Amino acid sequence: MYITREGRVSMPIGKLGQRRQVVIPKEICEELGLQVGDFVEIRRVKGSVVIKPKKLVDADDVLTPEEETVVRKGEQQLRRGAAKPWQQIKHDMDL
């Protein structure tokens, strides 16, 4: 956002290129932490285009339902204060 000499607010203007490419102003990229090659979601909302940064997740990084259950149980144990230090677990398992 820019403020003109007259005190009015002015927003950066981009231009649609030949291949429908849009350049996002440097200041906006820096504010949002966007880097070249990052993915964005593009949606039409009430006659406007909304561009939202997106992070893609590798399928190998997603927990299975069974793994998610184990994690949730562990979180519950932590909240109850029933967690054990890693050294104790290794000792109990003879690792």
N, C-alpha and C. Protein backbone atom coordinates (compact mmCIF):
# COMPACT_ATOMS: atom_id res chain seq x y z
N MET A 1 0.86 -1.16 0.00
CA MET A 1 0.00 0.00 0.00
C MET A 1 0.91 1.23 0.00
N TYR A 2 0.54 2.20 -0.77
CA TYR A 2 1.29 3.44 -0.86
C TYR A 2 0.38 4.60 -0.50
N ILE A 3 0.97 5.66 0.02
CA ILE A 3 0.21 6.87 0.29
C ILE A 3 0.75 7.95 -0.64
N THR A 4 -0.12 8.56 -1.41
CA THR A 4 0.28 9.58 -2.37
C THR A 4 0.54 10.90 -1.67
N ARG A 5 1.09 11.86 -2.41
CA ARG A 5 1.34 13.20 -1.84
C ARG A 5 0.07 13.84 -1.34
N GLU A 6 -1.04 13.49 -1.99
CA GLU A 6 -2.32 14.07 -1.59
C GLU A 6 -2.90 13.37 -0.37
N GLY A 7 -2.22 12.36 0.15
CA GLY A 7 -2.69 11.65 1.32
C GLY A 7 -3.65 10.51 1.02
N ARG A 8 -3.85 10.21 -0.26
CA ARG A 8 -4.74 9.10 -0.63
C ARG A 8 -3.96 7.78 -0.59
N VAL A 9 -4.68 6.71 -0.35
CA VAL A 9 -4.08 5.38 -0.34
C VAL A 9 -4.09 4.84 -1.76
N SER A 10 -2.97 4.31 -2.19
CA SER A 10 -2.85 3.73 -3.52
C SER A 10 -2.31 2.31 -3.39
N MET A 11 -2.91 1.39 -4.08
CA MET A 11 -2.46 0.00 -4.04
C MET A 11 -1.58 -0.27 -5.26
N PRO A 12 -0.59 -1.17 -5.13
CA PRO A 12 0.24 -1.51 -6.29
C PRO A 12 -0.64 -2.10 -7.40
N ILE A 13 -0.28 -1.81 -8.62
CA ILE A 13 -1.04 -2.33 -9.77
C ILE A 13 -0.15 -3.30 -10.52
N GLY A 14 -0.70 -4.46 -10.85
CA GLY A 14 0.00 -5.44 -11.65
C GLY A 14 -0.56 -5.43 -13.06
N LYS A 15 0.06 -6.22 -13.93
CA LYS A 15 -0.38 -6.29 -15.32
C LYS A 15 -0.45 -7.75 -15.73
N LEU A 16 -1.52 -8.09 -16.43
CA LEU A 16 -1.69 -9.44 -16.94
C LEU A 16 -0.86 -9.58 -18.20
N GLY A 17 0.05 -10.56 -18.21
CA GLY A 17 0.94 -10.77 -19.35
C GLY A 17 0.29 -11.59 -20.45
N GLN A 18 1.05 -11.82 -21.53
CA GLN A 18 0.53 -12.55 -22.69
C GLN A 18 0.05 -13.95 -22.35
N ARG A 19 0.69 -14.58 -21.41
CA ARG A 19 0.31 -15.95 -21.04
C ARG A 19 -0.50 -15.97 -19.75
N ARG A 20 -1.23 -14.88 -19.48
CA ARG A 20 -2.07 -14.73 -18.30
C ARG A 20 -1.27 -14.79 -17.00
N GLN A 21 -0.01 -14.40 -17.07
CA GLN A 21 0.82 -14.35 -15.87
C GLN A 21 0.65 -13.01 -15.19
N VAL A 22 0.65 -13.04 -13.86
CA VAL A 22 0.52 -11.81 -13.08
C VAL A 22 1.77 -11.69 -12.20
N VAL A 23 2.35 -10.51 -12.18
CA VAL A 23 3.50 -10.26 -11.32
C VAL A 23 2.99 -9.70 -10.00
N ILE A 24 3.33 -10.38 -8.91
CA ILE A 24 2.95 -9.90 -7.58
C ILE A 24 4.03 -8.92 -7.14
N PRO A 25 3.65 -7.72 -6.74
CA PRO A 25 4.66 -6.72 -6.34
C PRO A 25 5.61 -7.25 -5.26
N LYS A 26 6.87 -6.83 -5.39
CA LYS A 26 7.93 -7.28 -4.49
C LYS A 26 7.57 -7.08 -3.02
N GLU A 27 7.00 -5.92 -2.70
CA GLU A 27 6.67 -5.62 -1.31
C GLU A 27 5.69 -6.63 -0.73
N ILE A 28 4.71 -7.02 -1.54
CA ILE A 28 3.71 -7.99 -1.08
C ILE A 28 4.35 -9.35 -0.89
N CYS A 29 5.21 -9.76 -1.85
CA CYS A 29 5.90 -11.05 -1.72
C CYS A 29 6.74 -11.09 -0.45
N GLU A 30 7.44 -10.00 -0.18
CA GLU A 30 8.27 -9.95 1.03
C GLU A 30 7.43 -10.02 2.29
N GLU A 31 6.31 -9.29 2.31
CA GLU A 31 5.44 -9.31 3.49
C GLU A 31 4.88 -10.69 3.76
N LEU A 32 4.56 -11.43 2.68
CA LEU A 32 3.96 -12.76 2.82
C LEU A 32 5.00 -13.88 2.85
N GLY A 33 6.27 -13.54 2.65
CA GLY A 33 7.31 -14.56 2.63
C GLY A 33 7.26 -15.45 1.40
N LEU A 34 6.71 -14.94 0.30
CA LEU A 34 6.61 -15.72 -0.93
C LEU A 34 7.95 -15.74 -1.66
N GLN A 35 8.31 -16.91 -2.17
CA GLN A 35 9.55 -17.10 -2.92
C GLN A 35 9.20 -17.61 -4.32
N VAL A 36 10.14 -17.44 -5.26
CA VAL A 36 9.95 -17.97 -6.60
C VAL A 36 9.73 -19.47 -6.50
N GLY A 37 8.71 -19.98 -7.17
CA GLY A 37 8.41 -21.41 -7.16
C GLY A 37 7.38 -21.81 -6.12
N ASP A 38 7.02 -20.91 -5.20
CA ASP A 38 5.99 -21.23 -4.21
C ASP A 38 4.64 -21.44 -4.90
N PHE A 39 3.80 -22.23 -4.28
CA PHE A 39 2.46 -22.48 -4.81
C PHE A 39 1.47 -21.50 -4.20
N VAL A 40 0.48 -21.12 -4.99
CA VAL A 40 -0.58 -20.25 -4.52
C VAL A 40 -1.92 -20.81 -4.98
N GLU A 41 -2.94 -20.55 -4.20
CA GLU A 41 -4.32 -20.91 -4.57
C GLU A 41 -4.94 -19.66 -5.19
N ILE A 42 -5.63 -19.83 -6.31
CA ILE A 42 -6.26 -18.71 -6.99
C ILE A 42 -7.75 -18.98 -7.06
N ARG A 43 -8.54 -18.05 -6.49
CA ARG A 43 -10.00 -18.21 -6.48
C ARG A 43 -10.68 -16.93 -6.95
N ARG A 44 -11.86 -17.12 -7.47
CA ARG A 44 -12.70 -15.97 -7.83
C ARG A 44 -13.68 -15.77 -6.70
N VAL A 45 -13.72 -14.57 -6.13
CA VAL A 45 -14.61 -14.26 -5.02
C VAL A 45 -15.30 -12.93 -5.33
N LYS A 46 -16.60 -12.99 -5.53
CA LYS A 46 -17.42 -11.79 -5.75
C LYS A 46 -16.79 -10.85 -6.78
N GLY A 47 -16.44 -11.37 -7.93
CA GLY A 47 -15.91 -10.54 -9.00
C GLY A 47 -14.46 -10.12 -8.84
N SER A 48 -13.76 -10.69 -7.86
CA SER A 48 -12.35 -10.38 -7.64
C SER A 48 -11.54 -11.67 -7.69
N VAL A 49 -10.24 -11.53 -7.86
CA VAL A 49 -9.33 -12.67 -7.83
C VAL A 49 -8.60 -12.62 -6.49
N VAL A 50 -8.63 -13.74 -5.77
CA VAL A 50 -7.94 -13.84 -4.48
C VAL A 50 -6.80 -14.85 -4.65
N ILE A 51 -5.60 -14.43 -4.31
CA ILE A 51 -4.42 -15.29 -4.40
C ILE A 51 -3.94 -15.55 -2.98
N LYS A 52 -3.87 -16.83 -2.62
CA LYS A 52 -3.53 -17.20 -1.24
C LYS A 52 -2.33 -18.16 -1.26
N PRO A 53 -1.28 -17.89 -0.47
CA PRO A 53 -0.13 -18.80 -0.41
C PRO A 53 -0.58 -20.19 0.05
N LYS A 54 0.00 -21.23 -0.54
CA LYS A 54 -0.32 -22.61 -0.18
C LYS A 54 0.95 -23.40 0.02
N LYS A 55 0.93 -24.29 0.97
CA LYS A 55 2.02 -25.23 1.19
C LYS A 55 1.51 -26.61 0.82
N LEU A 56 2.23 -27.29 -0.07
CA LEU A 56 1.84 -28.63 -0.45
C LEU A 56 2.47 -29.63 0.50
N VAL A 57 1.74 -30.68 0.82
CA VAL A 57 2.22 -31.70 1.75
C VAL A 57 2.45 -32.99 0.98
N ASP A 58 3.61 -33.59 1.16
CA ASP A 58 3.92 -34.86 0.54
C ASP A 58 3.06 -35.94 1.18
N ALA A 59 2.52 -36.84 0.37
CA ALA A 59 1.65 -37.90 0.89
C ALA A 59 2.34 -38.74 1.96
N ASP A 60 3.67 -38.87 1.88
CA ASP A 60 4.41 -39.64 2.88
C ASP A 60 4.44 -38.94 4.24
N ASP A 61 4.16 -37.64 4.25
CA ASP A 61 4.20 -36.87 5.49
C ASP A 61 2.86 -36.83 6.21
N VAL A 62 1.85 -37.48 5.65
CA VAL A 62 0.51 -37.49 6.24
C VAL A 62 0.36 -38.72 7.12
N LEU A 63 -0.16 -38.54 8.33
CA LEU A 63 -0.34 -39.66 9.25
C LEU A 63 -1.49 -40.56 8.80
N THR A 64 -1.30 -41.86 9.00
CA THR A 64 -2.39 -42.80 8.78
C THR A 64 -3.37 -42.64 9.94
N PRO A 65 -4.60 -43.14 9.82
CA PRO A 65 -5.54 -43.05 10.94
C PRO A 65 -4.98 -43.69 12.22
N GLU A 66 -4.26 -44.81 12.07
CA GLU A 66 -3.69 -45.48 13.24
C GLU A 66 -2.61 -44.61 13.89
N GLU A 67 -1.75 -44.00 13.05
CA GLU A 67 -0.70 -43.14 13.58
C GLU A 67 -1.30 -41.91 14.26
N GLU A 68 -2.36 -41.38 13.68
CA GLU A 68 -3.01 -40.21 14.27
C GLU A 68 -3.60 -40.55 15.64
N THR A 69 -4.14 -41.77 15.78
CA THR A 69 -4.68 -42.22 17.07
C THR A 69 -3.58 -42.27 18.12
N VAL A 70 -2.42 -42.82 17.74
CA VAL A 70 -1.29 -42.91 18.67
C VAL A 70 -0.84 -41.51 19.09
N VAL A 71 -0.76 -40.60 18.13
CA VAL A 71 -0.34 -39.22 18.45
C VAL A 71 -1.34 -38.57 19.40
N ARG A 72 -2.63 -38.73 19.13
CA ARG A 72 -3.67 -38.13 20.00
C ARG A 72 -3.58 -38.68 21.42
N LYS A 73 -3.35 -40.00 21.54
CA LYS A 73 -3.20 -40.60 22.87
C LYS A 73 -1.99 -40.01 23.59
N GLY A 74 -0.90 -39.83 22.85
CA GLY A 74 0.30 -39.23 23.42
C GLY A 74 0.06 -37.80 23.89
N GLU A 75 -0.69 -37.04 23.09
CA GLU A 75 -1.02 -35.66 23.49
C GLU A 75 -1.86 -35.65 24.76
N GLN A 76 -2.80 -36.59 24.87
CA GLN A 76 -3.62 -36.68 26.08
C GLN A 76 -2.76 -37.00 27.29
N GLN A 77 -1.79 -37.93 27.11
CA GLN A 77 -0.88 -38.27 28.20
C GLN A 77 -0.08 -37.05 28.64
N LEU A 78 0.38 -36.26 27.67
CA LEU A 78 1.14 -35.05 28.00
C LEU A 78 0.30 -34.08 28.81
N ARG A 79 -0.96 -33.89 28.41
CA ARG A 79 -1.84 -32.97 29.14
C ARG A 79 -2.08 -33.45 30.57
N ARG A 80 -2.13 -34.77 30.76
CA ARG A 80 -2.35 -35.32 32.11
C ARG A 80 -1.06 -35.37 32.92
N GLY A 81 0.07 -35.11 32.26
CA GLY A 81 1.35 -35.19 32.95
C GLY A 81 1.85 -36.61 33.08
N ALA A 82 1.32 -37.52 32.27
CA ALA A 82 1.68 -38.93 32.36
C ALA A 82 2.77 -39.33 31.37
N ALA A 83 3.51 -38.37 30.85
CA ALA A 83 4.56 -38.67 29.87
C ALA A 83 5.83 -39.12 30.58
N LYS A 84 6.65 -39.92 29.86
CA LYS A 84 7.93 -40.37 30.39
C LYS A 84 9.04 -39.73 29.57
N PRO A 85 10.17 -39.44 30.21
CA PRO A 85 11.33 -38.93 29.45
C PRO A 85 11.83 -39.99 28.48
N TRP A 86 12.40 -39.55 27.35
CA TRP A 86 12.89 -40.47 26.32
C TRP A 86 13.92 -41.43 26.89
N GLN A 87 14.79 -40.97 27.77
CA GLN A 87 15.81 -41.84 28.37
C GLN A 87 15.15 -43.00 29.13
N GLN A 88 14.04 -42.72 29.81
CA GLN A 88 13.33 -43.77 30.55
C GLN A 88 12.72 -44.79 29.59
N ILE A 89 12.15 -44.32 28.50
CA ILE A 89 11.56 -45.23 27.51
C ILE A 89 12.65 -46.12 26.92
N LYS A 90 13.81 -45.53 26.56
CA LYS A 90 14.91 -46.32 26.01
C LYS A 90 15.37 -47.36 27.03
N HIS A 91 15.45 -46.99 28.31
CA HIS A 91 15.86 -47.93 29.35
C HIS A 91 14.85 -49.06 29.46
N ASP A 92 13.56 -48.72 29.48
CA ASP A 92 12.51 -49.73 29.61
C ASP A 92 12.52 -50.70 28.43
N MET A 93 12.94 -50.24 27.26
CA MET A 93 12.94 -51.08 26.06
C MET A 93 14.31 -51.71 25.81
N ASP A 94 15.24 -51.51 26.74
CA ASP A 94 16.62 -52.01 26.60
C ASP A 94 17.26 -51.55 25.30
N LEU A 95 17.11 -50.29 25.00
CA LEU A 95 17.73 -49.73 23.79
C LEU A 95 19.05 -49.08 24.11
